[in-house]
Amino acid sequence: MLRFASMSIIQVRDISEETHRRLKARAAEEGRTLSELIRDELDRVAERPTWAEVAERIGSREPVRLSTASAAAVRAAREERDEQLDRP
């Protein structure tokens, strides 16, 4: 027995003619329908975490403890680069 996923319909209004034209052309270039292109893009957007989720993940991590201050590490890397390039 085949089961089909329930599909919802979304209608987007007030899209500029330019945006519609560009999306339609992009879909045609990719050999897809406009609906397929937009559905795939919406799926991709829905998979990405929100900014709030990203901030929560970052906030839940342990702080990084560096053995050398960032400015000192950058300074040392620049000095090493300058020596390799034979700069004063």
Protein backbone atom coordinates (compact mmCIF):
# COMPACT_ATOMS: atom_id res chain seq x y z
CA MET A 1 0.00 0.00 0.00
CA LEU A 2 1.41 3.37 -0.99
CA ARG A 3 1.23 6.25 1.41
CA PHE A 4 1.48 9.82 0.28
CA ALA A 5 2.67 12.58 2.55
CA SER A 6 0.08 15.19 3.25
CA MET A 7 0.88 18.30 1.26
CA SER A 8 -0.10 21.82 2.18
CA ILE A 9 -0.70 24.71 -0.14
CA ILE A 10 0.91 28.10 0.34
CA GLN A 11 -0.13 31.07 -1.75
CA VAL A 12 2.18 34.05 -1.92
CA ARG A 13 0.76 37.34 -3.08
CA ASP A 14 2.25 40.65 -4.16
CA ILE A 15 5.42 39.26 -5.74
CA SER A 16 6.99 41.75 -8.11
CA GLU A 17 6.91 40.91 -11.81
CA GLU A 18 10.72 41.06 -11.82
CA THR A 19 11.01 38.51 -9.01
CA HIS A 20 8.45 36.23 -10.67
CA ARG A 21 10.26 36.49 -14.00
CA ARG A 22 13.66 35.74 -12.48
CA LEU A 23 12.41 32.75 -10.49
CA LYS A 24 10.56 31.35 -13.49
CA ALA A 25 13.69 31.74 -15.65
CA ARG A 26 15.86 30.08 -12.99
CA ALA A 27 13.45 27.15 -12.75
CA ALA A 28 13.46 26.76 -16.54
CA GLU A 29 17.28 26.84 -16.62
CA GLU A 30 17.30 24.02 -14.06
CA GLY A 31 14.64 22.03 -15.91
CA ARG A 32 12.14 22.37 -13.08
CA THR A 33 8.77 23.99 -12.64
CA LEU A 34 8.43 27.20 -10.68
CA SER A 35 6.53 25.27 -8.01
CA GLU A 36 9.35 22.73 -7.70
CA LEU A 37 11.96 25.48 -7.39
CA ILE A 38 10.02 27.37 -4.73
CA ARG A 39 9.12 24.18 -2.81
CA ASP A 40 12.77 23.10 -2.72
CA GLU A 41 13.87 26.56 -1.58
CA LEU A 42 11.23 26.59 1.17
CA ASP A 43 12.33 23.11 2.29
CA ARG A 44 15.93 24.38 2.44
CA VAL A 45 14.92 27.45 4.47
CA ALA A 46 12.84 25.33 6.85
CA GLU A 47 15.82 23.04 7.52
CA ARG A 48 18.09 25.89 8.63
CA PRO A 49 18.05 26.81 12.31
CA THR A 50 16.61 30.15 13.30
CA TRP A 51 18.86 32.87 14.71
CA ALA A 52 17.35 32.16 18.14
CA GLU A 53 18.28 28.47 17.82
CA VAL A 54 21.82 29.35 16.75
CA ALA A 55 22.17 31.78 19.66
CA GLU A 56 20.87 29.12 22.06
CA ARG A 57 23.41 26.57 20.76
CA ILE A 58 26.23 29.06 21.11
CA GLY A 59 25.09 30.03 24.59
CA SER A 60 25.02 26.42 25.72
CA ARG A 61 28.66 25.78 24.81
CA GLU A 62 31.51 25.94 27.25
CA PRO A 63 33.65 29.07 26.95
CA VAL A 64 36.89 28.66 25.04
CA ARG A 65 39.99 29.21 27.12
CA LEU A 66 42.97 30.29 25.05
CA SER A 67 46.53 29.83 26.19
CA THR A 68 47.51 32.97 24.26
CA ALA A 69 45.51 36.18 23.93
CA SER A 70 43.93 36.57 20.49
CA ALA A 71 45.74 39.85 19.78
CA ALA A 72 49.08 38.28 20.65
CA ALA A 73 48.42 35.28 18.39
CA VAL A 74 47.48 37.56 15.48
CA ARG A 75 50.55 39.71 16.10
CA ALA A 76 52.82 36.65 16.11
CA ALA A 77 51.25 35.31 12.91
CA ARG A 78 51.73 38.66 11.19
CA GLU A 79 55.35 38.86 12.32
CA GLU A 80 55.97 35.34 11.01
CA ARG A 81 54.32 36.22 7.69
CA ASP A 82 56.37 39.40 7.40
CA GLU A 83 59.59 37.44 8.07
CA GLN A 84 58.66 34.95 5.36
CA LEU A 85 57.98 37.81 2.95
CA ASP A 86 61.20 39.50 4.07
CA ARG A 87 59.46 42.66 5.21
CA PRO A 88 60.87 45.02 7.82
